[in-house]
Every structure is written in C-alpha cells, then in structure tokens.
Amino acid sequence: MSGQLEVASLSAGYGRLPVVFDATFVVHAGEMVALLGRNGAGKTTALLAVAGLRYGYGSRTVRVDGIDASQRSAHAIVAAGVNLVPEGRRIFRDMTVEENLRLGAFVRRRAGRGSVNADLSRVHELFPALAAARGKRAGELSGGQQQMVAIGQALMSKPKYLLLDEPMAGLAPVLVDEIYERLHVLVGEGLGVLIVDQSVERAVAHSDRYYVLDAGRTVRAGACKAAALEPIEQIVLGTSALGTRHLEGPALAEN
C-alpha cells in the first residue's frame, strides 16, 4: 500500500499562547514512526493540530495521500483517514464496550451494517479481551483494556493513519507488549502509525523512523535502526545543545 501523511510548517497553540512553532514530519503507509521529545516540547499539541483539534493560534499544512486536508474540520479529517487516540483513555465509561466501538464507525454510518459488523469482528480478533467484555461498561475494565477500547474505537473509522498519544502510559509491561504487537500487525497490513511514547528506548525499538520535537520545533529525525539512543535521550532530557537548534530541509530526512 502506498501513500503518506505529510505534515509541514505546523504551528499551534492555545488562545494567544503558541506551543508548536514549526513542526515537520511524514508517516508512510505501513510504517510506525515515533514522535519524541521532553514534556512540554509540543508533541500533544502537534497531534491535536494534525487531527483538527487545535485551539487559537496556529497554521498547518497537512496532506493525506497527496490531498490537502489543512483546512478540514476534525470530523472531515477522520473521514479522510486520519484518527487520533488522545492520551488519558478518553472513552465513554458509562457505555458498554460494544457501544464505544460502534461509535467509532460514526463517520462510516452510510457504509452499511454488514461492513461495520465486519470491522467490529476484526477489532475483536485483534483484542480478544474486548470480545469477552462487549456487554460490560467500559469504565469497569482495567486500564489496559480501556486503552484497547480507545484504539479499537479509532480503528472502527477505518483509518489510513493512526495517531497515538502516550497509549502505554501507566500500563503493565505485558500489556504494553500486547498493544505494540497488535500495532505491528496493523502496520503490516498497511496502516501508518505515529506514536508518542514516554520511553525513548521502547519507542525507537518498535518504530521504523523517529522525529524529535524540542521547544515546538522538529530538531532531529532519522531511521530507528541506525539511531544512537544517547543523543536522542539528551535532547529529551534537556541536556543537549542540539535541542535548541532547528534542523531544516534534508537534515530532517536522515540524521
């Protein structure tokens, strides 16, 4: 599967407060990309802006498989094939697991019940625990299962590109491994994944490429197989001068 999510010259903030000044990154279909950076670097704001959920100050260039989606609403961006799983497991806790999942297919409500049911079965196949708990209130599930509901809900929109903001936060290692395993299955099927993970080592180990944000700008990028963790971690920890320097043009493609 070919295609890419291209984000360039992204700026975003809240009210008159700018947070992201010039972020650039690309996610190809069928690859996992890690978005790294220290707390406050702008990772969450960047994801919100790409998803059309930005507030106040900001501009962006977002192309989905070559189609300009820069001025589209959040709903239209989901319909175009980009969906965000925000941090904090923001699901409907008083609704059942199945109700939560079916809500994810809202933008596809004209697709027909058979198509939606097939996708629901696929989510159950990926996350068997959700099939067993389909009638339970989502708020009664464990933290790891709630995160599966959040991811499954996003998958019900049939995204081409999935944005994940700290999906592993607070989860036991065995659940982290399980979720990454499922994400790799989806990537193998052609899904593009952009993931924010607080563990640099884990994110790099699971991803194909990485970008580092610092002070709202993309300052480093490269292939994960060739990545040396120490300079990346120095930026994330705020101990490297590189974190104050903005890299431009070809430097972002291979560094």
C-alpha atoms as a PDB file:
ATOM      1  CA  MET A   1       0.000   0.000   0.000  1.00  0.00           C
ATOM      2  CA  SER A   2       1.376   3.403  -0.965  1.00  0.00           C
ATOM      3  CA  GLY A   3       0.632   6.839   0.444  1.00  0.00           C
ATOM      4  CA  GLN A   4       1.728   9.115   3.226  1.00  0.00           C
ATOM      5  CA  LEU A   5       0.584  11.587   5.833  1.00  0.00           C
ATOM      6  CA  GLU A   6       2.665  14.726   5.355  1.00  0.00           C
ATOM      7  CA  VAL A   7       2.775  17.493   7.951  1.00  0.00           C
ATOM      8  CA  ALA A   8       4.816  20.621   7.259  1.00  0.00           C
ATOM      9  CA  SER A   9       5.265  24.060   8.825  1.00  0.00           C
ATOM     10  CA  LEU A  10       2.910  23.140  11.643  1.00  0.00           C
ATOM     11  CA  SER A  11       2.261  25.783  14.287  1.00  0.00           C
ATOM     12  CA  ALA A  12      -0.348  25.532  17.003  1.00  0.00           C
ATOM     13  CA  GLY A  13      -1.208  26.719  20.466  1.00  0.00           C
ATOM     14  CA  TYR A  14      -3.956  27.690  22.873  1.00  0.00           C
ATOM     15  CA  GLY A  15      -5.545  31.111  22.679  1.00  0.00           C
ATOM     16  CA  ARG A  16      -2.670  33.514  22.079  1.00  0.00           C
ATOM     17  CA  LEU A  17      -0.105  31.131  23.541  1.00  0.00           C
ATOM     18  CA  PRO A  18       1.985  29.436  20.809  1.00  0.00           C
ATOM     19  CA  VAL A  19       3.320  25.968  21.678  1.00  0.00           C
ATOM     20  CA  VAL A  20       4.360  24.466  18.340  1.00  0.00           C
ATOM     21  CA  PHE A  21       6.249  26.815  16.012  1.00  0.00           C
ATOM     22  CA  ASP A  22       7.486  24.757  13.065  1.00  0.00           C
ATOM     23  CA  ALA A  23       6.965  21.000  13.227  1.00  0.00           C
ATOM     24  CA  THR A  24       7.530  18.763  10.212  1.00  0.00           C
ATOM     25  CA  PHE A  25       7.063  15.009   9.916  1.00  0.00           C
ATOM     26  CA  VAL A  26       5.934  12.345   7.459  1.00  0.00           C
ATOM     27  CA  VAL A  27       4.294   8.985   8.116  1.00  0.00           C
ATOM     28  CA  HIS A  28       4.236   6.475   5.267  1.00  0.00           C
ATOM     29  CA  ALA A  29       1.576   3.811   4.926  1.00  0.00           C
ATOM     30  CA  GLY A  30       2.796   0.600   6.519  1.00  0.00           C
ATOM     31  CA  GLU A  31       5.310   2.081   8.942  1.00  0.00           C
ATOM     32  CA  MET A  32       5.475   3.107  12.587  1.00  0.00           C
ATOM     33  CA  VAL A  33       7.007   6.484  13.387  1.00  0.00           C
ATOM     34  CA  ALA A  34       7.927   7.674  16.881  1.00  0.00           C
ATOM     35  CA  LEU A  35       7.395  11.315  17.859  1.00  0.00           C
ATOM     36  CA  LEU A  36       9.770  12.037  20.736  1.00  0.00           C
ATOM     37  CA  GLY A  37      10.511  14.974  22.985  1.00  0.00           C
ATOM     38  CA  ARG A  38      10.633  16.170  26.576  1.00  0.00           C
ATOM     39  CA  ASN A  39       7.488  17.129  28.493  1.00  0.00           C
ATOM     40  CA  GLY A  40       6.214  20.413  27.079  1.00  0.00           C
ATOM     41  CA  ALA A  41       8.013  20.015  23.744  1.00  0.00           C
ATOM     42  CA  GLY A  42       4.707  20.211  21.864  1.00  0.00           C
ATOM     43  CA  LYS A  43       4.015  16.576  20.988  1.00  0.00           C
ATOM     44  CA  THR A  44       0.401  16.505  22.192  1.00  0.00           C
ATOM     45  CA  THR A  45      -0.351  19.915  20.699  1.00  0.00           C
ATOM     46  CA  ALA A  46       1.089  18.796  17.369  1.00  0.00           C
ATOM     47  CA  LEU A  47      -1.100  15.693  17.280  1.00  0.00           C
ATOM     48  CA  LEU A  48      -4.184  17.717  18.202  1.00  0.00           C
ATOM     49  CA  ALA A  49      -3.420  20.202  15.443  1.00  0.00           C
ATOM     50  CA  VAL A  50      -2.985  17.493  12.812  1.00  0.00           C
ATOM     51  CA  ALA A  51      -6.304  15.980  13.907  1.00  0.00           C
ATOM     52  CA  GLY A  52      -8.047  19.342  13.575  1.00  0.00           C
ATOM     53  CA  LEU A  53      -8.487  19.794  17.324  1.00  0.00           C
ATOM     54  CA  ARG A  54      -6.246  22.815  17.708  1.00  0.00           C
ATOM     55  CA  TYR A  55      -7.173  25.893  19.686  1.00  0.00           C
ATOM     56  CA  GLY A  56      -6.459  29.556  18.915  1.00  0.00           C
ATOM     57  CA  TYR A  57      -3.083  30.344  17.404  1.00  0.00           C
ATOM     58  CA  GLY A  58      -1.925  28.086  14.596  1.00  0.00           C
ATOM     59  CA  SER A  59      -1.477  27.118  10.975  1.00  0.00           C
ATOM     60  CA  ARG A  60      -0.642  23.879   9.253  1.00  0.00           C
ATOM     61  CA  THR A  61      -0.025  22.043   6.032  1.00  0.00           C
ATOM     62  CA  VAL A  62      -1.481  18.550   6.217  1.00  0.00           C
ATOM     63  CA  ARG A  63      -1.677  16.276   3.205  1.00  0.00           C
ATOM     64  CA  VAL A  64      -3.290  12.831   3.299  1.00  0.00           C
ATOM     65  CA  ASP A  65      -2.131  10.725   0.350  1.00  0.00           C
ATOM     66  CA  GLY A  66      -1.419  13.912  -1.572  1.00  0.00           C
ATOM     67  CA  ILE A  67      -4.767  15.557  -0.802  1.00  0.00           C
ATOM     68  CA  ASP A  68      -4.645  18.839   1.121  1.00  0.00           C
ATOM     69  CA  ALA A  69      -6.548  18.470   4.392  1.00  0.00           C
ATOM     70  CA  SER A  70      -5.103  21.577   6.063  1.00  0.00           C
ATOM     71  CA  GLN A  71      -8.391  23.436   6.423  1.00  0.00           C
ATOM     72  CA  ARG A  72     -10.664  20.495   7.154  1.00  0.00           C
ATOM     73  CA  SER A  73     -12.606  20.042  10.373  1.00  0.00           C
ATOM     74  CA  ALA A  74     -11.783  17.290  12.846  1.00  0.00           C
ATOM     75  CA  HIS A  75     -14.738  15.238  11.587  1.00  0.00           C
ATOM     76  CA  ALA A  76     -13.605  15.621   7.959  1.00  0.00           C
ATOM     77  CA  ILE A  77     -10.030  14.654   8.833  1.00  0.00           C
ATOM     78  CA  VAL A  78     -11.285  11.407  10.382  1.00  0.00           C
ATOM     79  CA  ALA A  79     -13.314  10.780   7.232  1.00  0.00           C
ATOM     80  CA  ALA A  80     -10.165  11.440   5.170  1.00  0.00           C
ATOM     81  CA  GLY A  81      -8.379   8.641   7.014  1.00  0.00           C
ATOM     82  CA  VAL A  82      -6.559  10.186   9.998  1.00  0.00           C
ATOM     83  CA  ASN A  83      -7.672   9.404  13.547  1.00  0.00           C
ATOM     84  CA  LEU A  84      -6.212  10.344  16.915  1.00  0.00           C
ATOM     85  CA  VAL A  85      -6.238   8.265  20.086  1.00  0.00           C
ATOM     86  CA  PRO A  86      -5.633  11.010  22.682  1.00  0.00           C
ATOM     87  CA  GLU A  87      -3.851  10.485  25.962  1.00  0.00           C
ATOM     88  CA  GLY A  88      -5.891   9.577  29.008  1.00  0.00           C
ATOM     89  CA  ARG A  89      -8.114   6.782  27.585  1.00  0.00           C
ATOM     90  CA  ARG A  90     -10.927   9.136  26.691  1.00  0.00           C
ATOM     91  CA  ILE A  91     -13.707   6.646  26.185  1.00  0.00           C
ATOM     92  CA  PHE A  92     -17.354   6.684  27.266  1.00  0.00           C
ATOM     93  CA  ARG A  93     -17.074   4.871  30.574  1.00  0.00           C
ATOM     94  CA  ASP A  94     -20.820   4.579  31.200  1.00  0.00           C
ATOM     95  CA  MET A  95     -21.409   2.936  27.836  1.00  0.00           C
ATOM     96  CA  THR A  96     -20.678  -0.679  27.007  1.00  0.00           C
ATOM     97  CA  VAL A  97     -17.557  -1.786  25.200  1.00  0.00           C
ATOM     98  CA  GLU A  98     -19.548  -2.571  22.062  1.00  0.00           C
ATOM     99  CA  GLU A  99     -21.337   0.779  22.160  1.00  0.00           C
ATOM    100  CA  ASN A 100     -17.978   2.529  22.400  1.00  0.00           C
ATOM    101  CA  LEU A 101     -16.609   0.612  19.446  1.00  0.00           C
ATOM    102  CA  ARG A 102     -19.653   1.182  17.253  1.00  0.00           C
ATOM    103  CA  LEU A 103     -19.452   4.915  17.961  1.00  0.00           C
ATOM    104  CA  GLY A 104     -16.064   4.855  16.277  1.00  0.00           C
ATOM    105  CA  ALA A 105     -17.769   3.973  12.998  1.00  0.00           C
ATOM    106  CA  PHE A 106     -19.955   7.090  13.076  1.00  0.00           C
ATOM    107  CA  VAL A 107     -18.209   8.687  10.076  1.00  0.00           C
ATOM    108  CA  ARG A 108     -18.960   5.478   8.163  1.00  0.00           C
ATOM    109  CA  ARG A 109     -22.631   5.295   9.085  1.00  0.00           C
ATOM    110  CA  ARG A 110     -23.551   5.021   5.400  1.00  0.00           C
ATOM    111  CA  ALA A 111     -21.233   2.054   4.876  1.00  0.00           C
ATOM    112  CA  GLY A 112     -23.887  -0.429   5.922  1.00  0.00           C
ATOM    113  CA  ARG A 113     -24.359  -2.618   8.957  1.00  0.00           C
ATOM    114  CA  GLY A 114     -22.556  -5.577   7.375  1.00  0.00           C
ATOM    115  CA  SER A 115     -19.364  -3.581   6.808  1.00  0.00           C
ATOM    116  CA  VAL A 116     -19.405  -2.162  10.336  1.00  0.00           C
ATOM    117  CA  ASN A 117     -20.015  -5.618  11.825  1.00  0.00           C
ATOM    118  CA  ALA A 118     -17.071  -6.999   9.859  1.00  0.00           C
ATOM    119  CA  ASP A 119     -14.819  -4.287  11.251  1.00  0.00           C
ATOM    120  CA  LEU A 120     -16.125  -4.928  14.753  1.00  0.00           C
ATOM    121  CA  SER A 121     -15.203  -8.587  14.342  1.00  0.00           C
ATOM    122  CA  ARG A 122     -11.723  -7.529  13.243  1.00  0.00           C
ATOM    123  CA  VAL A 123     -11.281  -5.416  16.392  1.00  0.00           C
ATOM    124  CA  HIS A 124     -12.418  -8.401  18.470  1.00  0.00           C
ATOM    125  CA  GLU A 125      -9.848 -10.535  16.643  1.00  0.00           C
ATOM    126  CA  LEU A 126      -7.093  -8.056  17.437  1.00  0.00           C
ATOM    127  CA  PHE A 127      -8.214  -7.604  21.057  1.00  0.00           C
ATOM    128  CA  PRO A 128      -9.986 -10.787  22.228  1.00  0.00           C
ATOM    129  CA  ALA A 129     -10.485  -9.304  25.700  1.00  0.00           C
ATOM    130  CA  LEU A 130     -12.910  -6.788  24.177  1.00  0.00           C
ATOM    131  CA  ALA A 131     -14.991  -9.534  22.618  1.00  0.00           C
ATOM    132  CA  ALA A 132     -15.320 -11.202  26.017  1.00  0.00           C
ATOM    133  CA  ALA A 133     -16.262  -7.885  27.650  1.00  0.00           C
ATOM    134  CA  ARG A 134     -18.511  -6.498  24.896  1.00  0.00           C
ATOM    135  CA  GLY A 135     -21.523  -6.104  27.206  1.00  0.00           C
ATOM    136  CA  LYS A 136     -19.628  -4.566  30.126  1.00  0.00           C
ATOM    137  CA  ARG A 137     -19.489  -0.876  30.929  1.00  0.00           C
ATOM    138  CA  ALA A 138     -16.159   0.394  29.616  1.00  0.00           C
ATOM    139  CA  GLY A 139     -15.420   2.085  32.946  1.00  0.00           C
ATOM    140  CA  GLU A 140     -15.370  -1.313  34.653  1.00  0.00           C
ATOM    141  CA  LEU A 141     -12.424  -2.551  32.582  1.00  0.00           C
ATOM    142  CA  SER A 142      -8.765  -2.463  33.555  1.00  0.00           C
ATOM    143  CA  GLY A 143      -6.611   0.411  32.348  1.00  0.00           C
ATOM    144  CA  GLY A 144      -5.054  -1.748  29.653  1.00  0.00           C
ATOM    145  CA  GLN A 145      -8.434  -2.919  28.376  1.00  0.00           C
ATOM    146  CA  GLN A 146      -9.722   0.664  28.347  1.00  0.00           C
ATOM    147  CA  GLN A 147      -6.760   1.589  26.161  1.00  0.00           C
ATOM    148  CA  MET A 148      -7.697  -1.264  23.829  1.00  0.00           C
ATOM    149  CA  VAL A 149     -11.225   0.157  23.649  1.00  0.00           C
ATOM    150  CA  ALA A 150      -9.804   3.581  22.727  1.00  0.00           C
ATOM    151  CA  ILE A 151      -7.637   2.100  19.975  1.00  0.00           C
ATOM    152  CA  GLY A 152     -10.434  -0.166  18.774  1.00  0.00           C
ATOM    153  CA  GLN A 153     -12.831   2.764  18.617  1.00  0.00           C
ATOM    154  CA  ALA A 154     -10.390   4.640  16.386  1.00  0.00           C
ATOM    155  CA  LEU A 155      -9.895   1.586  14.184  1.00  0.00           C
ATOM    156  CA  MET A 156     -13.641   1.413  13.575  1.00  0.00           C
ATOM    157  CA  SER A 157     -13.320   4.539  11.419  1.00  0.00           C
ATOM    158  CA  LYS A 158     -11.014   2.533   9.092  1.00  0.00           C
ATOM    159  CA  PRO A 159      -8.120   5.000   9.316  1.00  0.00           C
ATOM    160  CA  LYS A 160      -5.191   5.049   6.949  1.00  0.00           C
ATOM    161  CA  TYR A 161      -3.083   6.779   9.595  1.00  0.00           C
ATOM    162  CA  LEU A 162      -3.416   6.371  13.356  1.00  0.00           C
ATOM    163  CA  LEU A 163      -2.021   8.939  15.806  1.00  0.00           C
ATOM    164  CA  LEU A 164      -1.408   7.638  19.336  1.00  0.00           C
ATOM    165  CA  ASP A 165      -0.615   9.953  22.247  1.00  0.00           C
ATOM    166  CA  GLU A 166       1.034   8.127  25.166  1.00  0.00           C
ATOM    167  CA  PRO A 167      -1.014   4.920  24.751  1.00  0.00           C
ATOM    168  CA  MET A 168       1.335   2.949  27.023  1.00  0.00           C
ATOM    169  CA  ALA A 169       1.240   5.339  30.000  1.00  0.00           C
ATOM    170  CA  GLY A 170       0.539   3.517  33.244  1.00  0.00           C
ATOM    171  CA  LEU A 171       0.238   0.069  31.677  1.00  0.00           C
ATOM    172  CA  ALA A 172       1.911  -3.119  32.900  1.00  0.00           C
ATOM    173  CA  PRO A 173       4.784  -4.318  30.681  1.00  0.00           C
ATOM    174  CA  VAL A 174       2.831  -7.355  29.496  1.00  0.00           C
ATOM    175  CA  LEU A 175       0.012  -5.109  28.244  1.00  0.00           C
ATOM    176  CA  VAL A 176       2.476  -2.735  26.605  1.00  0.00           C
ATOM    177  CA  ASP A 177       3.952  -5.684  24.709  1.00  0.00           C
ATOM    178  CA  GLU A 178       0.495  -6.878  23.693  1.00  0.00           C
ATOM    179  CA  ILE A 179      -0.584  -3.490  22.345  1.00  0.00           C
ATOM    180  CA  TYR A 180       2.661  -2.994  20.428  1.00  0.00           C
ATOM    181  CA  GLU A 181       2.255  -6.489  18.981  1.00  0.00           C
ATOM    182  CA  ARG A 182      -1.217  -5.590  17.681  1.00  0.00           C
ATOM    183  CA  LEU A 183       0.054  -2.304  16.277  1.00  0.00           C
ATOM    184  CA  HIS A 184       2.735  -4.171  14.360  1.00  0.00           C
ATOM    185  CA  VAL A 185       0.050  -6.418  12.880  1.00  0.00           C
ATOM    186  CA  LEU A 186      -1.842  -3.336  11.695  1.00  0.00           C
ATOM    187  CA  VAL A 187       1.315  -1.737  10.296  1.00  0.00           C
ATOM    188  CA  GLY A 188       1.956  -4.969   8.396  1.00  0.00           C
ATOM    189  CA  GLU A 189      -1.486  -4.557   6.838  1.00  0.00           C
ATOM    190  CA  GLY A 190      -0.605  -1.069   5.596  1.00  0.00           C
ATOM    191  CA  LEU A 191      -1.661   1.234   8.446  1.00  0.00           C
ATOM    192  CA  GLY A 192       0.600   4.201   9.118  1.00  0.00           C
ATOM    193  CA  VAL A 193       1.166   4.825  12.847  1.00  0.00           C
ATOM    194  CA  LEU A 194       2.572   7.919  14.551  1.00  0.00           C
ATOM    195  CA  ILE A 195       3.157   7.207  18.232  1.00  0.00           C
ATOM    196  CA  VAL A 196       4.192   9.270  21.246  1.00  0.00           C
ATOM    197  CA  ASP A 197       5.755   7.085  23.930  1.00  0.00           C
ATOM    198  CA  GLN A 198       7.447   8.402  27.088  1.00  0.00           C
ATOM    199  CA  SER A 199      10.056   5.632  26.788  1.00  0.00           C
ATOM    200  CA  VAL A 200      12.570   6.656  24.121  1.00  0.00           C
ATOM    201  CA  GLU A 201      14.222   3.243  24.144  1.00  0.00           C
ATOM    202  CA  ARG A 202      10.909   1.414  23.687  1.00  0.00           C
ATOM    203  CA  ALA A 203       9.634   3.786  21.018  1.00  0.00           C
ATOM    204  CA  VAL A 204      12.809   3.516  18.956  1.00  0.00           C
ATOM    205  CA  ALA A 205      12.880  -0.272  19.347  1.00  0.00           C
ATOM    206  CA  HIS A 206       9.375  -0.604  17.893  1.00  0.00           C
ATOM    207  CA  SER A 207       9.433   2.117  15.223  1.00  0.00           C
ATOM    208  CA  ASP A 208      10.851   2.425  11.725  1.00  0.00           C
ATOM    209  CA  ARG A 209      11.721   6.119  11.951  1.00  0.00           C
ATOM    210  CA  TYR A 210      11.654   8.879  14.558  1.00  0.00           C
ATOM    211  CA  TYR A 211      11.280  12.641  14.881  1.00  0.00           C
ATOM    212  CA  VAL A 212      12.286  14.687  17.919  1.00  0.00           C
ATOM    213  CA  LEU A 213      10.449  17.860  18.895  1.00  0.00           C
ATOM    214  CA  ASP A 214      12.053  20.430  21.124  1.00  0.00           C
ATOM    215  CA  ALA A 215      10.555  23.811  22.038  1.00  0.00           C
ATOM    216  CA  GLY A 216       7.882  23.318  19.403  1.00  0.00           C
ATOM    217  CA  ARG A 217      10.229  22.557  16.506  1.00  0.00           C
ATOM    218  CA  THR A 218      11.445  19.399  14.805  1.00  0.00           C
ATOM    219  CA  VAL A 219      15.145  19.222  15.671  1.00  0.00           C
ATOM    220  CA  ARG A 220      16.164  15.704  14.738  1.00  0.00           C
ATOM    221  CA  ALA A 221      14.950  12.809  12.587  1.00  0.00           C
ATOM    222  CA  GLY A 222      16.238   9.515  11.286  1.00  0.00           C
ATOM    223  CA  ALA A 223      15.898   5.774  10.900  1.00  0.00           C
ATOM    224  CA  CYS A 224      15.465   3.869  14.141  1.00  0.00           C
ATOM    225  CA  LYS A 225      17.751   1.004  13.097  1.00  0.00           C
ATOM    226  CA  ALA A 226      20.630   3.447  12.760  1.00  0.00           C
ATOM    227  CA  ALA A 227      19.707   5.566  15.764  1.00  0.00           C
ATOM    228  CA  ALA A 228      22.036   6.100  18.683  1.00  0.00           C
ATOM    229  CA  LEU A 229      19.870   6.480  21.774  1.00  0.00           C
ATOM    230  CA  GLU A 230      22.202   8.703  23.781  1.00  0.00           C
ATOM    231  CA  PRO A 231      21.919  11.917  21.694  1.00  0.00           C
ATOM    232  CA  ILE A 232      18.137  11.470  21.391  1.00  0.00           C
ATOM    233  CA  GLU A 233      17.762  10.976  25.134  1.00  0.00           C
ATOM    234  CA  GLN A 234      19.962  14.013  25.770  1.00  0.00           C
ATOM    235  CA  ILE A 235      17.508  16.156  23.821  1.00  0.00           C
ATOM    236  CA  VAL A 236      14.516  14.626  25.577  1.00  0.00           C
ATOM    237  CA  LEU A 237      16.176  15.121  28.966  1.00  0.00           C
ATOM    238  CA  GLY A 238      17.219  18.661  28.035  1.00  0.00           C
ATOM    239  CA  THR A 239      20.964  18.076  28.359  1.00  0.00           C
ATOM    240  CA  SER A 240      21.942  18.594  24.707  1.00  0.00           C
ATOM    241  CA  ALA A 241      22.583  21.860  22.893  1.00  0.00           C
ATOM    242  CA  LEU A 242      21.129  20.240  19.774  1.00  0.00           C
ATOM    243  CA  GLY A 243      17.738  20.583  21.366  1.00  0.00           C
ATOM    244  CA  THR A 244      17.924  24.354  20.924  1.00  0.00           C
ATOM    245  CA  ARG A 245      18.793  24.190  17.223  1.00  0.00           C
ATOM    246  CA  HIS A 246      16.223  23.767  14.455  1.00  0.00           C
ATOM    247  CA  LEU A 247      17.238  21.359  11.680  1.00  0.00           C
ATOM    248  CA  GLU A 248      15.940  22.145   8.237  1.00  0.00           C
ATOM    249  CA  GLY A 249      15.471  20.509   4.861  1.00  0.00           C
ATOM    250  CA  PRO A 250      17.449  17.326   4.117  1.00  0.00           C
ATOM    251  CA  ALA A 251      18.725  17.172   7.690  1.00  0.00           C
ATOM    252  CA  LEU A 252      15.273  16.053   8.778  1.00  0.00           C
ATOM    253  CA  ALA A 253      15.218  13.131   6.370  1.00  0.00           C
ATOM    254  CA  GLU A 254      18.433  11.488   7.516  1.00  0.00           C
ATOM    255  CA  ASN A 255      20.206  12.415  10.702  1.00  0.00           C
END
